[in-house]
Amino acid sequence: MRPLLSIIVPTKERYDYLEKLIHLILSFESREFELIVQDNTRDNSRIISFFNSIKDDRLRYFHDPTPLTSVQNFDKAVLNTQGKYVIFIGDDDFLLRNVCDVVKFMENNAIDAVKFRRANYYWADGERKKSLLTTGLFSKNITLLSPVKSLKKVLSNGCQEIDILPSLYYGIVKKDVLDQVYKIGHTYFPGNSADIANGVALSFFIKRYAYIKLPIVVPGTSCKTGGGTYAKKNRVLPLEEVHFVSKERLSTWDNSLPKIWHGSLVWPESAISALKYVGKMEFVSFLNYKAIWLAYSSISKEFFQDAKNRYGVAFLFYFAKIRLLVVRIIRSILNKLILICSAEYKINGHIYRNVGDVCDAENLLYHKIKKYCNKINVDIF
């Protein structure tokens, strides 16, 4: 029987995270999903030994040791799915056990894609000695959004905030809709950043899109997040040092943006690439370049000078205009640092300490959300 949901986890040389995630997902009672592990690690003997101890037909493992870019590995993962719906998470992320209930909600309401309110899990690795889970307040609201209007909003902020954009990454998408993107040029991820490239392309094919203000999917942060750039200062790399994206694709980097690998630039550049892919370049007119350059200028004094030279006095006025936004961002970062340093997280006004591994974090978060949903009579638990 065809699975209701395919959970795909592309991976490469990150077995410490992957093994814990597999333990978590296969502990879920539902038999309506498959777990696709797409492995590009050269020597997979360790994980094969791990799999030998597991007897669960929901797990499907694919290994390709040949050198692949991250997008090539992601495409292979989606092509191996059999489910009616698909969700993509990283090997240092996790999701909650009621994910198939969300898919049933989608089926019952003819919804093509959903995205969730963010929570974050910080692994106890590198300089971080304790793991940490952070999340905002929950909401019972499940909002139907226009994918194209959401895209325009994301473009208008320079693609610096992408949470409302529909996406396979951290979201659930109907496989038939995904395949429409693939048919154009044989990729589900037509850009250097898989999440936003996929989201931009999907925006023109999704008919009904819902935003659920509950953290069903929890992105993880580890020493190897973002191809290892998490460990870099400001997570900045010159393009020639980016090894997880093909040189051919990097060579098409949009000339309107500095050739620097940083989220503030990669996201809008990937959005432009995806718009080209789907033949919707007229939407580039909605892209706010000043917002991009503002984010870029915040990386260093050198980059600020770069941005000022490009826009002159106009840029300084723009910088002054949204300085309050910058202050809010800094305040948010400081709050997160306080939480990280104290190894605490907050849910619905309650503070908890010393979250354990992903299994402990999922268990605690699931029961807190379930209690909340029972209280307000939300039926996805």
Protein backbone atom coordinates (compact mmCIF):
# COMPACT_ATOMS: atom_id res chain seq x y z
CA MET A 1 0.00 0.00 0.00
CA ARG A 2 1.22 3.50 -0.81
CA PRO A 3 2.36 5.38 2.32
CA LEU A 4 0.41 8.46 3.28
CA LEU A 5 3.61 10.39 4.01
CA SER A 6 7.24 10.17 2.98
CA ILE A 7 9.68 11.68 5.49
CA ILE A 8 12.93 12.31 3.64
CA VAL A 9 16.26 12.86 5.36
CA PRO A 10 19.23 13.51 3.08
CA THR A 11 22.53 13.06 4.90
CA LYS A 12 26.28 13.10 4.43
CA GLU A 13 28.85 12.24 7.10
CA ARG A 14 26.57 13.22 9.98
CA TYR A 15 25.72 9.85 11.51
CA ASP A 16 25.86 11.14 15.09
CA TYR A 17 22.70 13.14 14.42
CA LEU A 18 21.11 10.72 11.96
CA GLU A 19 21.12 7.72 14.29
CA LYS A 20 19.30 9.66 17.02
CA LEU A 21 16.76 11.00 14.53
CA ILE A 22 16.04 7.50 13.15
CA HIS A 23 15.52 6.17 16.67
CA LEU A 24 13.01 8.95 17.27
CA ILE A 25 11.00 8.62 14.04
CA LEU A 26 10.79 4.83 14.16
CA SER A 27 9.49 5.07 17.73
CA PHE A 28 6.31 6.70 16.37
CA GLU A 29 3.31 4.36 16.47
CA SER A 30 1.90 5.33 13.07
CA ARG A 31 2.43 2.83 10.23
CA GLU A 32 1.29 5.31 7.58
CA PHE A 33 4.67 6.82 6.77
CA GLU A 34 7.97 5.79 5.23
CA LEU A 35 11.34 7.18 6.29
CA ILE A 36 13.67 7.77 3.33
CA VAL A 37 17.35 8.16 4.21
CA GLN A 38 19.39 9.37 1.22
CA ASP A 39 23.04 8.97 2.14
CA ASN A 40 25.96 10.52 0.23
CA THR A 41 28.61 9.49 2.75
CA ARG A 42 31.60 7.83 1.09
CA ASP A 43 32.09 5.09 3.70
CA ASN A 44 28.72 4.02 5.10
CA SER A 45 29.88 0.94 7.03
CA ARG A 46 28.99 2.54 10.37
CA ILE A 47 25.36 3.23 9.43
CA ILE A 48 24.96 -0.20 7.80
CA SER A 49 25.96 -1.75 11.10
CA PHE A 50 23.41 0.48 12.82
CA PHE A 51 20.66 -0.51 10.35
CA ASN A 52 21.39 -4.20 10.91
CA SER A 53 20.06 -3.77 14.44
CA ILE A 54 16.78 -2.33 13.13
CA LYS A 55 13.89 -4.38 11.80
CA ASP A 56 11.33 -1.88 10.54
CA ASP A 57 9.91 -1.89 7.02
CA ARG A 58 9.07 1.81 7.26
CA LEU A 59 12.77 2.59 6.86
CA ARG A 60 14.13 2.75 3.30
CA TYR A 61 17.83 3.47 2.86
CA PHE A 62 19.58 4.66 -0.30
CA HIS A 63 23.31 5.17 -0.62
CA ASP A 64 25.29 6.89 -3.38
CA PRO A 65 28.99 7.33 -2.55
CA THR A 66 29.81 9.32 -5.71
CA PRO A 67 30.46 13.05 -5.17
CA LEU A 68 27.13 14.89 -5.21
CA THR A 69 26.08 18.43 -4.40
CA SER A 70 23.52 18.84 -1.66
CA VAL A 71 20.78 19.61 -4.21
CA GLN A 72 21.62 16.48 -6.22
CA ASN A 73 21.32 14.40 -3.06
CA PHE A 74 18.04 16.13 -2.17
CA ASP A 75 16.60 15.43 -5.65
CA LYS A 76 17.51 11.75 -5.35
CA ALA A 77 15.75 11.60 -2.00
CA VAL A 78 12.48 13.02 -3.37
CA LEU A 79 12.63 10.76 -6.44
CA ASN A 80 12.80 7.73 -4.13
CA THR A 81 9.60 8.61 -2.27
CA GLN A 82 6.37 6.64 -2.60
CA GLY A 83 4.13 8.69 -0.31
CA LYS A 84 1.18 10.80 -1.33
CA TYR A 85 2.66 13.69 0.67
CA VAL A 86 6.30 14.51 1.38
CA ILE A 87 8.19 16.34 4.10
CA PHE A 88 11.91 17.13 4.05
CA ILE A 89 13.97 17.56 7.24
CA GLY A 90 17.68 17.60 7.91
CA ASP A 91 19.43 14.94 9.95
CA ASP A 92 19.86 17.38 12.84
CA ASP A 93 16.16 18.37 12.82
CA PHE A 94 13.18 16.49 14.20
CA LEU A 95 9.39 16.38 13.96
CA LEU A 96 6.52 15.40 16.22
CA ARG A 97 4.78 12.03 16.24
CA ASN A 98 1.42 13.48 15.15
CA VAL A 99 2.75 14.51 11.72
CA CYS A 100 0.50 11.97 9.95
CA ASP A 101 -2.54 13.48 11.68
CA VAL A 102 -1.59 16.78 10.05
CA VAL A 103 -1.49 15.04 6.66
CA LYS A 104 -4.97 13.62 7.25
CA PHE A 105 -6.13 17.15 8.03
CA MET A 106 -4.64 18.21 4.68
CA GLU A 107 -6.44 15.40 2.84
CA ASN A 108 -9.77 16.16 4.47
CA ASN A 109 -9.50 19.84 3.53
CA ALA A 110 -7.93 19.49 0.04
CA ILE A 111 -4.78 21.34 1.11
CA ASP A 112 -1.70 21.00 -1.11
CA ALA A 113 0.91 22.31 1.32
CA VAL A 114 1.36 23.36 4.94
CA LYS A 115 4.04 25.23 6.82
CA PHE A 116 4.46 25.49 10.58
CA ARG A 117 5.41 28.03 13.22
CA ARG A 118 9.08 27.64 14.03
CA ALA A 119 10.68 26.10 17.07
CA ASN A 120 14.40 25.41 17.32
CA TYR A 121 16.54 22.66 18.82
CA TYR A 122 20.19 23.37 19.63
CA TRP A 123 22.40 20.30 19.85
CA ALA A 124 24.87 19.90 22.67
CA ASP A 125 27.97 19.90 20.47
CA GLY A 126 30.88 22.18 19.68
CA GLU A 127 30.98 24.99 22.22
CA ARG A 128 27.43 24.28 23.43
CA LYS A 129 27.54 21.97 26.44
CA LYS A 130 23.78 21.51 26.85
CA SER A 131 21.01 21.00 24.33
CA LEU A 132 18.24 23.55 24.17
CA LEU A 133 14.72 23.80 22.75
CA THR A 134 13.17 27.21 22.07
CA THR A 135 9.70 28.04 20.80
CA GLY A 136 7.25 30.92 20.78
CA LEU A 137 3.68 30.82 21.97
CA PHE A 138 1.26 28.41 20.32
CA SER A 139 -1.86 29.48 18.46
CA LYS A 140 -5.00 27.60 17.47
CA ASN A 141 -5.17 29.53 14.20
CA ILE A 142 -4.75 27.56 10.97
CA THR A 143 -4.62 30.22 8.28
CA LEU A 144 -5.17 29.73 4.56
CA LEU A 145 -2.66 31.85 2.66
CA SER A 146 -2.20 32.72 -0.99
CA PRO A 147 1.12 31.18 -2.11
CA VAL A 148 1.76 33.96 -4.63
CA LYS A 149 0.90 36.71 -2.13
CA SER A 150 3.18 35.03 0.41
CA LEU A 151 5.93 34.97 -2.20
CA LYS A 152 5.47 38.67 -2.95
CA LYS A 153 5.71 39.43 0.78
CA VAL A 154 8.91 37.41 1.07
CA LEU A 155 10.38 39.20 -1.97
CA SER A 156 9.38 42.59 -0.57
CA ASN A 157 11.50 41.99 2.54
CA GLY A 158 14.48 40.99 0.41
CA CYS A 159 13.98 37.28 1.17
CA GLN A 160 15.39 37.84 4.65
CA GLU A 161 12.43 36.16 6.38
CA ILE A 162 11.04 33.11 4.58
CA ASP A 163 8.91 31.31 7.17
CA ILE A 164 5.58 32.08 5.43
CA LEU A 165 6.84 30.75 2.08
CA PRO A 166 5.47 27.27 1.24
CA SER A 167 8.29 24.76 1.05
CA LEU A 168 9.07 21.06 1.17
CA TYR A 169 11.84 21.88 3.66
CA TYR A 170 10.18 22.06 7.10
CA GLY A 171 6.78 21.81 5.40
CA ILE A 172 4.51 19.15 3.93
CA VAL A 173 3.70 19.19 0.20
CA LYS A 174 1.54 16.94 -1.95
CA LYS A 175 3.78 14.82 -4.19
CA ASP A 176 1.75 15.56 -7.33
CA VAL A 177 2.44 19.26 -6.86
CA LEU A 178 6.15 18.65 -6.32
CA ASP A 179 6.32 16.69 -9.56
CA GLN A 180 5.02 19.67 -11.50
CA VAL A 181 8.13 21.58 -10.44
CA TYR A 182 10.38 18.66 -11.34
CA LYS A 183 8.95 18.34 -14.86
CA ILE A 184 10.18 21.81 -15.83
CA GLY A 185 13.90 21.07 -15.63
CA HIS A 186 14.36 17.85 -13.62
CA THR A 187 14.98 19.35 -10.21
CA TYR A 188 12.79 20.08 -7.21
CA PHE A 189 15.29 22.66 -5.92
CA PRO A 190 16.14 25.17 -8.70
CA GLY A 191 18.60 27.33 -6.75
CA ASN A 192 21.64 27.36 -4.51
CA SER A 193 19.54 27.34 -1.33
CA ALA A 194 17.21 24.34 -1.52
CA ASP A 195 14.50 25.62 0.83
CA ILE A 196 13.78 28.97 -0.75
CA ALA A 197 14.33 27.76 -4.34
CA ASN A 198 11.80 24.99 -3.80
CA GLY A 199 9.38 27.36 -2.07
CA VAL A 200 9.52 30.02 -4.78
CA ALA A 201 8.93 27.44 -7.52
CA LEU A 202 6.09 25.74 -5.62
CA SER A 203 4.27 29.05 -5.10
CA PHE A 204 3.04 28.95 -8.70
CA PHE A 205 1.63 25.41 -8.50
CA ILE A 206 0.07 25.16 -5.03
CA LYS A 207 -3.68 25.83 -4.99
CA ARG A 208 -4.47 25.62 -1.26
CA TYR A 209 -1.82 26.46 1.31
CA ALA A 210 -2.21 26.51 5.11
CA TYR A 211 0.00 28.00 7.80
CA ILE A 212 -0.31 26.12 11.09
CA LYS A 213 0.83 28.09 14.11
CA LEU A 214 2.14 25.06 15.97
CA PRO A 215 5.73 23.73 15.84
CA ILE A 216 5.18 20.27 14.35
CA VAL A 217 8.63 20.39 12.71
CA VAL A 218 11.64 21.53 14.72
CA PRO A 219 14.75 22.72 12.83
CA GLY A 220 18.01 21.78 14.50
CA THR A 221 21.22 23.75 14.86
CA SER A 222 24.51 21.90 15.18
CA CYS A 223 28.17 22.36 14.39
CA LYS A 224 27.52 21.05 10.88
CA THR A 225 24.40 23.06 10.09
CA GLY A 226 24.52 24.78 6.71
CA GLY A 227 27.31 22.68 5.25
CA GLY A 228 29.50 23.43 8.25
CA THR A 229 29.18 27.20 7.94
CA TYR A 230 27.63 27.32 11.41
CA ALA A 231 31.15 27.02 12.80
CA LYS A 232 32.40 29.91 10.64
CA LYS A 233 32.45 33.48 11.92
CA ASN A 234 29.20 35.14 10.79
CA ARG A 235 28.65 32.04 8.62
CA VAL A 236 30.32 33.79 5.68
CA LEU A 237 32.22 32.03 2.89
CA PRO A 238 33.61 33.22 -0.43
CA LEU A 239 31.92 31.26 -3.22
CA GLU A 240 35.14 29.44 -4.11
CA GLU A 241 35.10 27.77 -0.66
CA VAL A 242 31.54 26.47 -1.01
CA HIS A 243 31.90 22.73 -1.64
CA PHE A 244 28.28 21.60 -1.22
CA VAL A 245 26.99 23.45 -4.31
CA SER A 246 28.09 22.67 -7.88
CA LYS A 247 30.61 25.02 -9.50
CA GLU A 248 28.32 25.17 -12.53
CA ARG A 249 25.42 26.46 -10.44
CA LEU A 250 27.62 28.93 -8.57
CA SER A 251 28.85 30.26 -11.92
CA THR A 252 25.32 31.48 -12.64
CA TRP A 253 25.23 33.56 -9.42
CA ASP A 254 23.22 36.72 -10.11
CA ASN A 255 25.51 39.66 -10.88
CA SER A 256 23.32 42.07 -8.92
CA LEU A 257 24.50 40.50 -5.65
CA PRO A 258 27.97 40.18 -4.05
CA LYS A 259 29.57 36.78 -4.57
CA ILE A 260 29.50 35.88 -0.87
CA TRP A 261 27.90 32.80 0.69
CA HIS A 262 25.74 34.23 3.46
CA GLY A 263 22.04 33.75 4.14
CA SER A 264 21.27 37.39 3.42
CA LEU A 265 22.55 36.88 -0.14
CA VAL A 266 21.99 33.18 -0.81
CA TRP A 267 18.24 33.37 -0.20
CA PRO A 268 17.46 36.22 -2.62
CA GLU A 269 19.90 34.83 -5.20
CA SER A 270 18.16 31.47 -5.00
CA ALA A 271 14.78 33.15 -5.34
CA ILE A 272 15.94 34.83 -8.57
CA SER A 273 17.22 31.47 -9.84
CA ALA A 274 13.89 29.78 -9.07
CA LEU A 275 11.93 32.55 -10.79
CA LYS A 276 14.04 32.02 -13.90
CA TYR A 277 13.39 28.28 -13.67
CA VAL A 278 9.59 28.66 -13.65
CA GLY A 279 9.59 31.49 -16.20
CA LYS A 280 8.33 34.15 -13.79
CA MET A 281 11.11 36.74 -13.94
CA GLU A 282 8.57 39.56 -13.79
CA PHE A 283 8.33 38.81 -10.05
CA VAL A 284 11.91 40.06 -9.58
CA SER A 285 10.36 43.55 -9.62
CA PHE A 286 8.99 42.76 -6.13
CA LEU A 287 12.48 41.99 -4.77
CA ASN A 288 13.63 44.63 -2.27
CA TYR A 289 17.34 45.04 -3.00
CA LYS A 290 17.83 47.68 -0.30
CA ALA A 291 16.65 45.21 2.33
CA ILE A 292 19.15 42.68 0.98
CA TRP A 293 22.00 45.17 1.11
CA LEU A 294 21.01 46.26 4.59
CA ALA A 295 21.26 42.68 5.82
CA TYR A 296 24.54 42.27 3.93
CA SER A 297 25.90 45.49 5.46
CA SER A 298 25.30 44.15 8.98
CA ILE A 299 27.92 41.41 8.51
CA SER A 300 30.94 43.68 8.85
CA LYS A 301 32.15 47.28 8.52
CA GLU A 302 33.66 46.40 5.17
CA PHE A 303 30.33 45.19 3.84
CA PHE A 304 28.53 48.24 5.27
CA GLN A 305 30.91 50.46 3.34
CA ASP A 306 30.26 48.35 0.26
CA ALA A 307 26.51 48.93 0.59
CA LYS A 308 26.92 52.65 1.28
CA ASN A 309 29.10 53.04 -1.83
CA ARG A 310 26.40 51.38 -3.90
CA TYR A 311 23.41 53.40 -2.62
CA GLY A 312 25.09 56.50 -1.13
CA VAL A 313 22.95 58.83 0.95
CA ALA A 314 19.78 56.97 -0.09
CA PHE A 315 21.08 53.85 1.64
CA LEU A 316 21.86 55.78 4.84
CA PHE A 317 18.29 57.12 4.92
CA TYR A 318 16.99 53.60 4.39
CA PHE A 319 19.30 52.32 7.10
CA ALA A 320 17.96 54.97 9.50
CA LYS A 321 14.36 54.24 8.52
CA ILE A 322 14.48 50.63 9.69
CA ARG A 323 16.93 50.97 12.54
CA LEU A 324 14.13 50.11 14.96
CA LEU A 325 13.73 46.79 13.15
CA VAL A 326 17.45 46.14 13.58
CA VAL A 327 17.14 46.92 17.28
CA ARG A 328 14.30 44.38 17.56
CA ILE A 329 16.41 41.77 15.79
CA ILE A 330 19.35 42.41 18.13
CA ARG A 331 17.05 42.19 21.12
CA SER A 332 15.72 38.85 19.84
CA ILE A 333 19.26 37.53 19.40
CA LEU A 334 20.21 38.64 22.92
CA ASN A 335 17.15 36.89 24.33
CA LYS A 336 18.18 33.69 22.56
CA LEU A 337 21.72 34.02 23.89
CA ILE A 338 20.37 34.41 27.42
CA LEU A 339 18.31 31.24 26.95
CA ILE A 340 21.27 29.37 25.47
CA CYS A 341 23.64 30.43 28.22
CA SER A 342 21.16 29.43 30.91
CA ALA A 343 20.21 26.21 29.08
CA GLU A 344 16.52 27.06 29.40
CA TYR A 345 13.60 27.27 27.03
CA LYS A 346 10.14 28.75 27.34
CA ILE A 347 6.74 27.42 26.26
CA ASN A 348 3.51 29.27 27.00
CA GLY A 349 5.18 31.28 29.72
CA HIS A 350 6.79 28.27 31.46
CA ILE A 351 10.55 27.81 31.62
CA TYR A 352 12.17 24.38 31.42
CA ARG A 353 15.80 23.46 31.90
CA ASN A 354 18.29 21.03 30.42
CA VAL A 355 16.50 19.46 27.49
CA GLY A 356 17.97 16.06 26.64
CA ASP A 357 18.40 14.51 23.21
CA VAL A 358 15.88 14.82 20.36
CA CYS A 359 13.73 12.01 21.80
CA ASP A 360 13.39 13.86 25.11
CA ALA A 361 12.74 17.16 23.34
CA GLU A 362 10.06 15.65 21.08
CA ASN A 363 8.33 13.95 24.00
CA LEU A 364 8.19 17.11 26.08
CA LEU A 365 7.13 19.37 23.21
CA TYR A 366 4.51 16.91 21.93
CA HIS A 367 2.77 16.61 25.29
CA LYS A 368 2.84 20.35 25.89
CA ILE A 369 1.24 21.01 22.50
CA LYS A 370 -1.25 18.16 22.99
CA LYS A 371 -2.34 19.62 26.30
CA TYR A 372 -2.73 23.01 24.67
CA CYS A 373 -4.70 21.59 21.72
CA ASN A 374 -7.03 19.62 23.98
CA LYS A 375 -7.71 22.79 25.92
CA ILE A 376 -8.70 24.77 22.80
CA ASN A 377 -10.26 21.81 20.93
CA VAL A 378 -7.90 21.62 17.95
CA ASP A 379 -8.34 18.27 16.19
CA ILE A 380 -4.87 17.54 14.77
CA PHE A 381 -3.89 15.52 17.87
